[in-house]
PDB file of all heavy atoms in Angstrom:
ATOM      1  N   GLY A   1       0.795  -1.231   0.006  1.00  0.00           N
ATOM      2  CA  GLY A   1      -0.016   0.001   0.011  1.00  0.00           C
ATOM      3  C   GLY A   1       0.841   1.276   0.003  1.00  0.00           C
ATOM      4  O   GLY A   1       2.068   1.244  -0.136  1.00  0.00           O
ATOM      5  N   PHE A   2       0.126   2.396   0.128  1.00  0.00           N
ATOM      6  CA  PHE A   2       0.788   3.702   0.163  1.00  0.00           C
ATOM      7  C   PHE A   2       1.077   4.099   1.608  1.00  0.00           C
ATOM      8  O   PHE A   2       0.545   3.552   2.581  1.00  0.00           O
ATOM      9  CB  PHE A   2      -0.114   4.745  -0.488  1.00  0.00           C
ATOM     10  CG  PHE A   2      -0.419   4.442  -1.939  1.00  0.00           C
ATOM     11  CD1 PHE A   2      -1.701   4.100  -2.320  1.00  0.00           C
ATOM     12  CD2 PHE A   2       0.584   4.479  -2.907  1.00  0.00           C
ATOM     13  CE1 PHE A   2      -1.991   3.786  -3.642  1.00  0.00           C
ATOM     14  CE2 PHE A   2       0.312   4.187  -4.229  1.00  0.00           C
ATOM     15  CZ  PHE A   2      -0.984   3.825  -4.601  1.00  0.00           C
ATOM     16  N   LYS A   3       1.953   5.109   1.758  1.00  0.00           N
ATOM     17  CA  LYS A   3       2.363   5.533   3.101  1.00  0.00           C
ATOM     18  C   LYS A   3       1.592   6.791   3.500  1.00  0.00           C
ATOM     19  O   LYS A   3       1.119   7.554   2.667  1.00  0.00           O
ATOM     20  CB  LYS A   3       3.858   5.839   3.090  1.00  0.00           C
ATOM     21  CG  LYS A   3       4.713   4.617   2.793  1.00  0.00           C
ATOM     22  CD  LYS A   3       6.186   5.005   2.792  1.00  0.00           C
ATOM     23  CE  LYS A   3       7.036   3.757   2.464  1.00  0.00           C
ATOM     24  NZ  LYS A   3       8.497   4.112   2.405  1.00  0.00           N
ATOM     25  N   ASP A   4       1.524   6.992   4.818  1.00  0.00           N
ATOM     26  CA  ASP A   4       0.772   8.140   5.344  1.00  0.00           C
ATOM     27  C   ASP A   4       1.280   9.472   4.761  1.00  0.00           C
ATOM     28  O   ASP A   4       0.521  10.350   4.400  1.00  0.00           O
ATOM     29  CB  ASP A   4       0.855   8.170   6.868  1.00  0.00           C
ATOM     30  CG  ASP A   4       0.040   7.040   7.525  1.00  0.00           C
ATOM     31  OD1 ASP A   4      -1.097   6.844   7.071  1.00  0.00           O
ATOM     32  OD2 ASP A   4       0.592   6.374   8.403  1.00  0.00           O
ATOM     33  N   ASP A   5       2.617   9.613   4.779  1.00  0.00           N
ATOM     34  CA  ASP A   5       3.171  10.911   4.316  1.00  0.00           C
ATOM     35  C   ASP A   5       2.947  11.079   2.807  1.00  0.00           C
ATOM     36  O   ASP A   5       2.769  12.213   2.333  1.00  0.00           O
ATOM     37  CB  ASP A   5       4.680  11.014   4.636  1.00  0.00           C
ATOM     38  CG  ASP A   5       5.526   9.902   4.021  1.00  0.00           C
ATOM     39  OD1 ASP A   5       4.927   8.882   3.599  1.00  0.00           O
ATOM     40  OD2 ASP A   5       6.743  10.048   3.994  1.00  0.00           O
ATOM     41  N   GLU A   6       2.909  10.003   2.005  1.00  0.00           N
ATOM     42  CA  GLU A   6       2.649  10.114   0.590  1.00  0.00           C
ATOM     43  C   GLU A   6       1.209  10.640   0.376  1.00  0.00           C
ATOM     44  O   GLU A   6       0.957  11.494  -0.465  1.00  0.00           O
ATOM     45  CB  GLU A   6       2.745   8.742  -0.072  1.00  0.00           C
ATOM     46  CG  GLU A   6       4.187   8.244  -0.216  1.00  0.00           C
ATOM     47  CD  GLU A   6       4.235   6.893  -0.894  1.00  0.00           C
ATOM     48  OE1 GLU A   6       3.494   5.974  -0.412  1.00  0.00           O
ATOM     49  OE2 GLU A   6       5.022   6.715  -1.842  1.00  0.00           O
ATOM     50  N   VAL A   7       0.267  10.093   1.144  1.00  0.00           N
ATOM     51  CA  VAL A   7      -1.149  10.498   1.003  1.00  0.00           C
ATOM     52  C   VAL A   7      -1.325  11.961   1.401  1.00  0.00           C
ATOM     53  O   VAL A   7      -1.986  12.725   0.759  1.00  0.00           O
ATOM     54  CB  VAL A   7      -2.046   9.592   1.802  1.00  0.00           C
ATOM     55  CG1 VAL A   7      -3.479  10.064   1.750  1.00  0.00           C
ATOM     56  CG2 VAL A   7      -1.962   8.152   1.292  1.00  0.00           C
ATOM     57  N   LYS A   8      -0.702  12.328   2.501  1.00  0.00           N
ATOM     58  CA  LYS A   8      -0.788  13.710   2.986  1.00  0.00           C
ATOM     59  C   LYS A   8      -0.212  14.673   1.957  1.00  0.00           C
ATOM     60  O   LYS A   8      -0.829  15.702   1.647  1.00  0.00           O
ATOM     61  CB  LYS A   8      -0.033  13.862   4.309  1.00  0.00           C
ATOM     62  CG  LYS A   8      -0.075  15.271   4.873  1.00  0.00           C
ATOM     63  CD  LYS A   8       0.707  15.340   6.198  1.00  0.00           C
ATOM     64  CE  LYS A   8       0.722  16.765   6.738  1.00  0.00           C
ATOM     65  NZ  LYS A   8       1.499  16.849   8.012  1.00  0.00           N
ATOM     66  N   ASP A   9       0.965  14.348   1.411  1.00  0.00           N
ATOM     67  CA  ASP A   9       1.598  15.236   0.433  1.00  0.00           C
ATOM     68  C   ASP A   9       0.813  15.360  -0.843  1.00  0.00           C
ATOM     69  O   ASP A   9       0.690  16.427  -1.407  1.00  0.00           O
ATOM     70  CB  ASP A   9       3.022  14.727   0.151  1.00  0.00           C
ATOM     71  CG  ASP A   9       3.964  14.915   1.322  1.00  0.00           C
ATOM     72  OD1 ASP A   9       3.630  15.679   2.251  1.00  0.00           O
ATOM     73  OD2 ASP A   9       5.050  14.293   1.335  1.00  0.00           O
ATOM     74  N   VAL A  10       0.286  14.223  -1.339  1.00  0.00           N
ATOM     75  CA  VAL A  10      -0.406  14.267  -2.637  1.00  0.00           C
ATOM     76  C   VAL A  10      -1.702  15.062  -2.546  1.00  0.00           C
ATOM     77  O   VAL A  10      -2.105  15.719  -3.467  1.00  0.00           O
ATOM     78  CB  VAL A  10      -0.648  12.845  -3.185  1.00  0.00           C
ATOM     79  CG1 VAL A  10      -1.835  12.161  -2.489  1.00  0.00           C
ATOM     80  CG2 VAL A  10      -0.881  12.885  -4.679  1.00  0.00           C
ATOM     81  N   LYS A  11      -2.380  15.006  -1.404  1.00  0.00           N
ATOM     82  CA  LYS A  11      -3.589  15.809  -1.221  1.00  0.00           C
ATOM     83  C   LYS A  11      -3.238  17.270  -1.377  1.00  0.00           C
ATOM     84  O   LYS A  11      -3.934  18.010  -2.072  1.00  0.00           O
ATOM     85  CB  LYS A  11      -4.211  15.538   0.154  1.00  0.00           C
ATOM     86  CG  LYS A  11      -4.914  14.245   0.321  1.00  0.00           C
ATOM     87  CD  LYS A  11      -5.550  14.223   1.710  1.00  0.00           C
ATOM     88  CE  LYS A  11      -6.292  12.922   1.970  1.00  0.00           C
ATOM     89  NZ  LYS A  11      -6.917  12.937   3.323  1.00  0.00           N
ATOM     90  N   SER A  12      -2.197  17.691  -0.690  1.00  0.00           N
ATOM     91  CA  SER A  12      -1.825  19.102  -0.724  1.00  0.00           C
ATOM     92  C   SER A  12      -1.349  19.566  -2.099  1.00  0.00           C
ATOM     93  O   SER A  12      -1.818  20.594  -2.606  1.00  0.00           O
ATOM     94  CB  SER A  12      -0.696  19.364   0.310  1.00  0.00           C
ATOM     95  OG  SER A  12      -0.257  20.698   0.244  1.00  0.00           O
ATOM     96  N   THR A  13      -0.477  18.770  -2.710  1.00  0.00           N
ATOM     97  CA  THR A  13       0.050  19.191  -4.036  1.00  0.00           C
ATOM     98  C   THR A  13      -0.980  19.147  -5.097  1.00  0.00           C
ATOM     99  O   THR A  13      -0.993  20.013  -5.994  1.00  0.00           O
ATOM    100  CB  THR A  13       1.259  18.306  -4.401  1.00  0.00           C
ATOM    101  OG1 THR A  13       0.844  16.938  -4.437  1.00  0.00           O
ATOM    102  CG2 THR A  13       2.418  18.453  -3.432  1.00  0.00           C
ATOM    103  N   TYR A  14      -1.893  18.163  -5.043  1.00  0.00           N
ATOM    104  CA  TYR A  14      -2.912  18.070  -6.072  1.00  0.00           C
ATOM    105  C   TYR A  14      -3.862  19.264  -6.037  1.00  0.00           C
ATOM    106  O   TYR A  14      -4.123  19.903  -7.070  1.00  0.00           O
ATOM    107  CB  TYR A  14      -3.749  16.775  -5.938  1.00  0.00           C
ATOM    108  CG  TYR A  14      -4.871  16.735  -6.905  1.00  0.00           C
ATOM    109  CD1 TYR A  14      -4.692  16.370  -8.234  1.00  0.00           C
ATOM    110  CD2 TYR A  14      -6.189  17.091  -6.547  1.00  0.00           C
ATOM    111  CE1 TYR A  14      -5.714  16.364  -9.137  1.00  0.00           C
ATOM    112  CE2 TYR A  14      -7.248  17.092  -7.458  1.00  0.00           C
ATOM    113  CZ  TYR A  14      -6.992  16.712  -8.737  1.00  0.00           C
ATOM    114  OH  TYR A  14      -8.003  16.707  -9.646  1.00  0.00           O
ATOM    115  N   VAL A  15      -4.381  19.566  -4.868  1.00  0.00           N
ATOM    116  CA  VAL A  15      -5.347  20.688  -4.749  1.00  0.00           C
ATOM    117  C   VAL A  15      -4.678  22.002  -5.064  1.00  0.00           C
ATOM    118  O   VAL A  15      -5.251  22.879  -5.774  1.00  0.00           O
ATOM    119  CB  VAL A  15      -5.943  20.691  -3.357  1.00  0.00           C
ATOM    120  CG1 VAL A  15      -6.835  21.964  -3.165  1.00  0.00           C
ATOM    121  CG2 VAL A  15      -6.801  19.453  -3.118  1.00  0.00           C
ATOM    122  N   THR A  16      -3.439  22.201  -4.609  1.00  0.00           N
ATOM    123  CA  THR A  16      -2.756  23.457  -4.919  1.00  0.00           C
ATOM    124  C   THR A  16      -2.540  23.599  -6.411  1.00  0.00           C
ATOM    125  O   THR A  16      -2.819  24.691  -6.996  1.00  0.00           O
ATOM    126  CB  THR A  16      -1.371  23.486  -4.206  1.00  0.00           C
ATOM    127  OG1 THR A  16      -1.578  23.391  -2.812  1.00  0.00           O
ATOM    128  CG2 THR A  16      -0.649  24.785  -4.553  1.00  0.00           C
ATOM    129  N   ALA A  17      -2.110  22.550  -7.087  1.00  0.00           N
ATOM    130  CA  ALA A  17      -1.871  22.617  -8.526  1.00  0.00           C
ATOM    131  C   ALA A  17      -3.208  22.814  -9.265  1.00  0.00           C
ATOM    132  O   ALA A  17      -3.265  23.542 -10.262  1.00  0.00           O
ATOM    133  CB  ALA A  17      -1.176  21.319  -8.995  1.00  0.00           C
ATOM    134  N   TYR A  18      -4.266  22.141  -8.786  1.00  0.00           N
ATOM    135  CA  TYR A  18      -5.565  22.236  -9.443  1.00  0.00           C
ATOM    136  C   TYR A  18      -6.031  23.689  -9.470  1.00  0.00           C
ATOM    137  O   TYR A  18      -6.444  24.205 -10.526  1.00  0.00           O
ATOM    138  CB  TYR A  18      -6.551  21.356  -8.720  1.00  0.00           C
ATOM    139  CG  TYR A  18      -7.972  21.427  -9.256  1.00  0.00           C
ATOM    140  CD1 TYR A  18      -8.329  20.651 -10.367  1.00  0.00           C
ATOM    141  CD2 TYR A  18      -8.916  22.277  -8.691  1.00  0.00           C
ATOM    142  CE1 TYR A  18      -9.625  20.709 -10.875  1.00  0.00           C
ATOM    143  CE2 TYR A  18     -10.207  22.310  -9.201  1.00  0.00           C
ATOM    144  CZ  TYR A  18     -10.574  21.544 -10.281  1.00  0.00           C
ATOM    145  OH  TYR A  18     -11.826  21.636 -10.797  1.00  0.00           O
ATOM    146  N   PHE A  19      -6.025  24.355  -8.332  1.00  0.00           N
ATOM    147  CA  PHE A  19      -6.533  25.692  -8.294  1.00  0.00           C
ATOM    148  C   PHE A  19      -5.563  26.697  -8.897  1.00  0.00           C
ATOM    149  O   PHE A  19      -5.956  27.752  -9.378  1.00  0.00           O
ATOM    150  CB  PHE A  19      -6.893  26.086  -6.868  1.00  0.00           C
ATOM    151  CG  PHE A  19      -8.141  25.425  -6.409  1.00  0.00           C
ATOM    152  CD1 PHE A  19      -8.161  24.395  -5.486  1.00  0.00           C
ATOM    153  CD2 PHE A  19      -9.380  25.827  -6.921  1.00  0.00           C
ATOM    154  CE1 PHE A  19      -9.320  23.777  -5.086  1.00  0.00           C
ATOM    155  CE2 PHE A  19     -10.555  25.195  -6.520  1.00  0.00           C
ATOM    156  CZ  PHE A  19     -10.546  24.172  -5.603  1.00  0.00           C
ATOM    157  N   TYR A  20      -4.272  26.390  -8.872  1.00  0.00           N
ATOM    158  CA  TYR A  20      -3.307  27.263  -9.549  1.00  0.00           C
ATOM    159  C   TYR A  20      -3.598  27.317 -11.050  1.00  0.00           C
ATOM    160  O   TYR A  20      -3.478  28.361 -11.688  1.00  0.00           O
ATOM    161  CB  TYR A  20      -1.888  26.733  -9.308  1.00  0.00           C
ATOM    162  CG  TYR A  20      -0.820  27.557  -9.962  1.00  0.00           C
ATOM    163  CD1 TYR A  20      -0.373  28.771  -9.389  1.00  0.00           C
ATOM    164  CD2 TYR A  20      -0.221  27.150 -11.156  1.00  0.00           C
ATOM    165  CE1 TYR A  20       0.606  29.545  -9.991  1.00  0.00           C
ATOM    166  CE2 TYR A  20       0.756  27.896 -11.761  1.00  0.00           C
ATOM    167  CZ  TYR A  20       1.173  29.079 -11.180  1.00  0.00           C
ATOM    168  OH  TYR A  20       2.135  29.857 -11.793  1.00  0.00           O
ATOM    169  N   ARG A  21      -4.045  26.192 -11.595  1.00  0.00           N
ATOM    170  CA  ARG A  21      -4.332  26.151 -13.048  1.00  0.00           C
ATOM    171  C   ARG A  21      -5.612  26.934 -13.375  1.00  0.00           C
ATOM    172  O   ARG A  21      -5.844  27.239 -14.561  1.00  0.00           O
ATOM    173  CB  ARG A  21      -4.518  24.705 -13.508  1.00  0.00           C
ATOM    174  CG  ARG A  21      -3.238  23.895 -13.488  1.00  0.00           C
ATOM    175  CD  ARG A  21      -3.423  22.602 -14.270  1.00  0.00           C
ATOM    176  NE  ARG A  21      -4.452  21.741 -13.706  1.00  0.00           N
ATOM    177  CZ  ARG A  21      -4.251  20.816 -12.779  1.00  0.00           C
ATOM    178  NH1 ARG A  21      -3.042  20.640 -12.299  1.00  0.00           N
ATOM    179  NH2 ARG A  21      -5.257  20.078 -12.334  1.00  0.00           N
ATOM    180  N   LEU A  22      -6.389  27.298 -12.388  1.00  0.00           N
ATOM    181  CA  LEU A  22      -7.645  27.992 -12.629  1.00  0.00           C
ATOM    182  C   LEU A  22      -7.505  29.515 -12.509  1.00  0.00           C
ATOM    183  O   LEU A  22      -8.482  30.182 -12.187  1.00  0.00           O
ATOM    184  CB  LEU A  22      -8.721  27.502 -11.653  1.00  0.00           C
ATOM    185  CG  LEU A  22      -9.093  26.028 -11.732  1.00  0.00           C
ATOM    186  CD1 LEU A  22     -10.252  25.724 -10.828  1.00  0.00           C
ATOM    187  CD2 LEU A  22      -9.451  25.631 -13.166  1.00  0.00           C
ATOM    188  N   GLU A  23      -6.322  30.033 -12.796  1.00  0.00           N
ATOM    189  CA  GLU A  23      -6.149  31.450 -12.656  1.00  0.00           C
ATOM    190  C   GLU A  23      -6.887  32.232 -13.728  1.00  0.00           C
ATOM    191  O   GLU A  23      -7.263  33.388 -13.523  1.00  0.00           O
ATOM    192  CB  GLU A  23      -4.637  31.825 -12.720  1.00  0.00           C
ATOM    193  CG  GLU A  23      -3.871  31.452 -11.457  1.00  0.00           C
ATOM    194  CD  GLU A  23      -2.471  31.991 -11.479  1.00  0.00           C
ATOM    195  OE1 GLU A  23      -1.925  32.174 -12.623  1.00  0.00           O
ATOM    196  OE2 GLU A  23      -1.907  32.219 -10.433  1.00  0.00           O
ATOM    197  N   THR A  24      -7.139  31.667 -14.892  1.00  0.00           N
ATOM    198  CA  THR A  24      -7.803  32.382 -15.969  1.00  0.00           C
ATOM    199  C   THR A  24      -9.290  31.986 -16.043  1.00  0.00           C
ATOM    200  O   THR A  24      -9.662  30.900 -15.632  1.00  0.00           O
ATOM    201  CB  THR A  24      -7.128  32.052 -17.316  1.00  0.00           C
ATOM    202  OG1 THR A  24      -7.361  30.679 -17.660  1.00  0.00           O
ATOM    203  CG2 THR A  24      -5.623  32.354 -17.278  1.00  0.00           C
ATOM    204  N   ASN A  25     -10.067  32.893 -16.563  1.00  0.00           N
ATOM    205  CA  ASN A  25     -11.504  32.593 -16.759  1.00  0.00           C
ATOM    206  C   ASN A  25     -11.710  31.421 -17.724  1.00  0.00           C
ATOM    207  O   ASN A  25     -12.630  30.617 -17.519  1.00  0.00           O
ATOM    208  CB  ASN A  25     -12.228  33.836 -17.324  1.00  0.00           C
ATOM    209  CG  ASN A  25     -12.296  34.981 -16.329  1.00  0.00           C
ATOM    210  OD1 ASN A  25     -11.505  35.038 -15.383  1.00  0.00           O
ATOM    211  ND2 ASN A  25     -13.232  35.885 -16.525  1.00  0.00           N
ATOM    212  N   ALA A  26     -10.842  31.318 -18.714  1.00  0.00           N
ATOM    213  CA  ALA A  26     -10.951  30.227 -19.660  1.00  0.00           C
ATOM    214  C   ALA A  26     -10.733  28.858 -18.996  1.00  0.00           C
ATOM    215  O   ALA A  26     -11.443  27.904 -19.272  1.00  0.00           O
ATOM    216  CB  ALA A  26      -9.966  30.406 -20.834  1.00  0.00           C
ATOM    217  N   ALA A  27      -9.776  28.799 -18.097  1.00  0.00           N
ATOM    218  CA  ALA A  27      -9.473  27.552 -17.389  1.00  0.00           C
ATOM    219  C   ALA A  27     -10.639  27.209 -16.447  1.00  0.00           C
ATOM    220  O   ALA A  27     -10.970  26.011 -16.322  1.00  0.00           O
ATOM    221  CB  ALA A  27      -8.174  27.673 -16.610  1.00  0.00           C
ATOM    222  N   GLN A  28     -11.210  28.217 -15.834  1.00  0.00           N
ATOM    223  CA  GLN A  28     -12.354  27.956 -14.948  1.00  0.00           C
ATOM    224  C   GLN A  28     -13.548  27.433 -15.754  1.00  0.00           C
ATOM    225  O   GLN A  28     -14.236  26.490 -15.345  1.00  0.00           O
ATOM    226  CB  GLN A  28     -12.752  29.223 -14.218  1.00  0.00           C
ATOM    227  CG  GLN A  28     -11.711  29.717 -13.223  1.00  0.00           C
ATOM    228  CD  GLN A  28     -11.907  31.130 -12.824  1.00  0.00           C
ATOM    229  OE1 GLN A  28     -13.020  31.626 -12.713  1.00  0.00           O
ATOM    230  NE2 GLN A  28     -10.813  31.868 -12.621  1.00  0.00           N
ATOM    231  N   ALA A  29     -13.785  28.013 -16.945  1.00  0.00           N
ATOM    232  CA  ALA A  29     -14.864  27.550 -17.800  1.00  0.00           C
ATOM    233  C   ALA A  29     -14.666  26.091 -18.207  1.00  0.00           C
ATOM    234  O   ALA A  29     -15.606  25.266 -18.193  1.00  0.00           O
ATOM    235  CB  ALA A  29     -15.009  28.430 -19.007  1.00  0.00           C
ATOM    236  N   ALA A  30     -13.434  25.744 -18.556  1.00  0.00           N
ATOM    237  CA  ALA A  30     -13.107  24.403 -18.980  1.00  0.00           C
ATOM    238  C   ALA A  30     -13.325  23.419 -17.808  1.00  0.00           C
ATOM    239  O   ALA A  30     -13.823  22.291 -18.000  1.00  0.00           O
ATOM    240  CB  ALA A  30     -11.680  24.301 -19.495  1.00  0.00           C
ATOM    241  N   ALA A  31     -12.963  23.798 -16.592  1.00  0.00           N
ATOM    242  CA  ALA A  31     -13.105  22.934 -15.433  1.00  0.00           C
ATOM    243  C   ALA A  31     -14.600  22.709 -15.134  1.00  0.00           C
ATOM    244  O   ALA A  31     -15.022  21.578 -14.837  1.00  0.00           O
ATOM    245  CB  ALA A  31     -12.431  23.527 -14.217  1.00  0.00           C
ATOM    246  N   LEU A  32     -15.399  23.756 -15.223  1.00  0.00           N
ATOM    247  CA  LEU A  32     -16.846  23.618 -14.965  1.00  0.00           C
ATOM    248  C   LEU A  32     -17.460  22.705 -16.057  1.00  0.00           C
ATOM    249  O   LEU A  32     -18.285  21.832 -15.743  1.00  0.00           O
ATOM    250  CB  LEU A  32     -17.509  25.013 -15.023  1.00  0.00           C
ATOM    251  CG  LEU A  32     -17.148  25.930 -13.845  1.00  0.00           C
ATOM    252  CD1 LEU A  32     -17.598  27.375 -14.171  1.00  0.00           C
ATOM    253  CD2 LEU A  32     -17.766  25.461 -12.552  1.00  0.00           C
TER     254      LEU A  32
END
């Protein structure tokens, strides 16, 4: 299985990267 620290880190990095990509209106429209 996966490790606790791997799960903790991937949650943080995924969400941060996800919302970072939504800086433009076009990216927000595509996500919706």
